[in-house]
Amino acid sequence: MGSKHLSVRETQKARYVSLLESRQSTLQAKGFAEKAIARDPKVKELKAKVKQVEKALARIGSIEEQTKKLQEKKEQAQAKAAAARAAEIAGIAVEAPEKAEGEGKKAKGAAKAGEKAKKGQAGAKAPAKGAKGDQKAKKK
């Protein structure tokens, strides 16, 4: 199993937490103050590892949640398509399935192109290439 699996990351976190606790207890047994323990490089390293693993666990959780949502959408779309096929076989007229998101984006792009064409027809042209040079000459 790779480190992208939840179980692997949970065992890593448990290991780092136990190492951190043992390091802190060892330093306390030696008589170090809380501030000195907090400044210990090994303690800092272990705390950073725990924090890193916690972030990885959060990412894994969000990915799993997103995957579940996508799977549910896919199942719904398949059920809808199956119902449409069954209705078509039975001879019942069914509305066309909704357009895919990609087709909607194409329509939006065409609408934007139409708006740009309307703006271009307004008659506003960009200044000629040498127009800036003429303005500088007038200022002097």
Protein backbone atom coordinates (compact mmCIF):
# COMPACT_ATOMS: atom_id res chain seq x y z
CA MET A 1 0.00 0.00 0.00
CA GLY A 2 1.18 3.47 -0.81
CA SER A 3 1.15 6.47 1.45
CA LYS A 4 -2.01 7.70 -0.28
CA HIS A 5 -4.07 5.14 1.62
CA LEU A 6 -5.85 6.16 4.78
CA SER A 7 -4.69 3.17 6.83
CA VAL A 8 -1.02 3.83 6.03
CA ARG A 9 -1.27 7.46 7.05
CA GLU A 10 -3.09 6.60 10.26
CA THR A 11 -0.33 4.17 11.27
CA GLN A 12 2.29 6.80 10.41
CA LYS A 13 0.53 9.33 12.60
CA ALA A 14 0.29 6.86 15.49
CA ARG A 15 3.99 6.06 15.17
CA TYR A 16 5.06 9.73 15.11
CA VAL A 17 2.80 10.60 18.06
CA SER A 18 4.24 7.76 20.13
CA LEU A 19 7.81 8.79 19.23
CA LEU A 20 7.00 12.40 20.15
CA GLU A 21 5.52 11.41 23.50
CA SER A 22 8.48 9.17 24.33
CA ARG A 23 10.95 11.92 23.39
CA GLN A 24 9.12 14.47 25.54
CA SER A 25 8.94 12.09 28.52
CA THR A 26 12.66 11.28 28.16
CA LEU A 27 13.56 14.97 28.17
CA GLN A 28 11.29 15.61 31.18
CA ALA A 29 12.98 12.73 33.02
CA LYS A 30 16.34 14.38 32.36
CA GLY A 31 15.05 17.57 33.97
CA PHE A 32 14.52 19.81 30.96
CA ALA A 33 12.05 22.69 31.21
CA GLU A 34 8.97 22.88 28.99
CA LYS A 35 10.54 25.66 26.89
CA ALA A 36 13.69 23.62 26.38
CA ILE A 37 11.63 20.60 25.37
CA ALA A 38 9.69 22.74 22.87
CA ARG A 39 12.99 23.98 21.37
CA ASP A 40 14.42 20.48 21.02
CA PRO A 41 15.11 19.81 17.32
CA LYS A 42 13.88 16.22 17.43
CA VAL A 43 10.61 17.30 19.09
CA LYS A 44 10.13 19.99 16.44
CA GLU A 45 10.79 17.46 13.69
CA LEU A 46 8.29 14.98 15.10
CA LYS A 47 5.63 17.68 15.55
CA ALA A 48 6.15 18.72 11.93
CA LYS A 49 5.78 15.10 10.78
CA VAL A 50 2.52 14.73 12.73
CA LYS A 51 1.21 17.96 11.20
CA GLN A 52 2.22 16.80 7.72
CA VAL A 53 0.44 13.46 8.16
CA GLU A 54 -2.69 15.21 9.47
CA LYS A 55 -2.81 17.37 6.34
CA ALA A 56 -2.36 14.27 4.18
CA LEU A 57 -5.25 12.59 6.04
CA ALA A 58 -7.42 15.62 5.36
CA ARG A 59 -6.54 15.50 1.65
CA ILE A 60 -7.29 11.79 1.48
CA GLY A 61 -10.66 12.38 3.15
CA SER A 62 -11.61 15.14 0.74
CA ILE A 63 -10.58 13.04 -2.26
CA GLU A 64 -12.65 10.10 -1.04
CA GLU A 65 -15.65 12.38 -0.48
CA GLN A 66 -15.29 13.85 -3.97
CA THR A 67 -15.00 10.37 -5.46
CA LYS A 68 -18.22 9.29 -3.72
CA LYS A 69 -20.09 12.33 -5.06
CA LEU A 70 -18.87 11.69 -8.59
CA GLN A 71 -19.82 8.03 -8.35
CA GLU A 72 -23.34 8.98 -7.20
CA LYS A 73 -23.71 11.40 -10.13
CA LYS A 74 -22.52 8.72 -12.52
CA GLU A 75 -25.00 6.19 -11.14
CA GLN A 76 -27.84 8.72 -11.44
CA ALA A 77 -26.91 9.48 -15.04
CA GLN A 78 -26.79 5.77 -15.86
CA ALA A 79 -30.18 5.21 -14.24
CA LYS A 80 -31.65 8.13 -16.17
CA ALA A 81 -30.22 6.80 -19.44
CA ALA A 82 -31.53 3.30 -18.71
CA ALA A 83 -35.00 4.70 -17.99
CA ALA A 84 -34.91 6.67 -21.24
CA ARG A 85 -33.90 3.56 -23.19
CA ALA A 86 -36.64 1.52 -21.55
CA ALA A 87 -39.21 4.19 -22.36
CA GLU A 88 -37.96 4.40 -25.95
CA ILE A 89 -38.29 0.65 -26.34
CA ALA A 90 -41.81 0.81 -24.93
CA GLY A 91 -42.65 3.48 -27.51
CA ILE A 92 -43.21 6.32 -25.09
CA ALA A 93 -41.86 9.69 -26.19
CA VAL A 94 -39.29 10.99 -23.76
CA GLU A 95 -37.68 14.39 -23.55
CA ALA A 96 -34.12 14.57 -24.77
CA PRO A 97 -31.58 14.11 -21.98
CA GLU A 98 -29.95 17.23 -20.67
CA LYS A 99 -26.93 18.47 -22.57
CA ALA A 100 -23.55 17.61 -21.18
CA GLU A 101 -21.57 20.37 -19.51
CA GLY A 102 -19.12 20.52 -22.41
CA GLU A 103 -21.88 21.40 -24.85
CA GLY A 104 -23.09 24.16 -22.55
CA LYS A 105 -19.63 25.63 -22.48
CA LYS A 106 -19.51 25.66 -26.28
CA ALA A 107 -22.78 27.56 -26.36
CA LYS A 108 -21.45 30.10 -23.88
CA GLY A 109 -18.32 30.54 -25.99
CA ALA A 110 -20.42 31.15 -29.09
CA ALA A 111 -22.48 33.74 -27.20
CA LYS A 112 -19.33 35.54 -26.10
CA ALA A 113 -18.04 35.53 -29.66
CA GLY A 114 -21.31 37.10 -30.78
CA GLU A 115 -20.96 39.83 -28.15
CA LYS A 116 -17.42 40.57 -29.30
CA ALA A 117 -18.62 40.84 -32.88
CA LYS A 118 -21.29 43.37 -31.81
CA LYS A 119 -18.68 45.43 -30.00
CA GLY A 120 -16.48 45.41 -33.06
CA GLN A 121 -19.34 46.74 -35.19
CA ALA A 122 -19.69 49.81 -32.97
CA GLY A 123 -17.09 51.60 -35.11
CA ALA A 124 -14.41 52.18 -32.49
CA LYS A 125 -11.04 51.59 -34.07
CA ALA A 126 -7.64 51.47 -32.49
CA PRO A 127 -5.33 54.42 -33.25
CA ALA A 128 -2.96 54.11 -36.18
CA LYS A 129 0.44 52.57 -35.57
CA GLY A 130 2.37 55.83 -35.70
CA ALA A 131 -0.14 57.90 -33.71
CA LYS A 132 1.87 57.77 -30.49
CA GLY A 133 4.93 59.21 -32.17
CA ASP A 134 2.89 62.18 -33.40
CA GLN A 135 1.69 62.95 -29.86
CA LYS A 136 5.26 63.02 -28.54
CA ALA A 137 6.31 65.38 -31.28
CA LYS A 138 3.47 67.78 -30.41
CA LYS A 139 4.47 67.91 -26.72
CA LYS A 140 8.02 69.05 -27.50
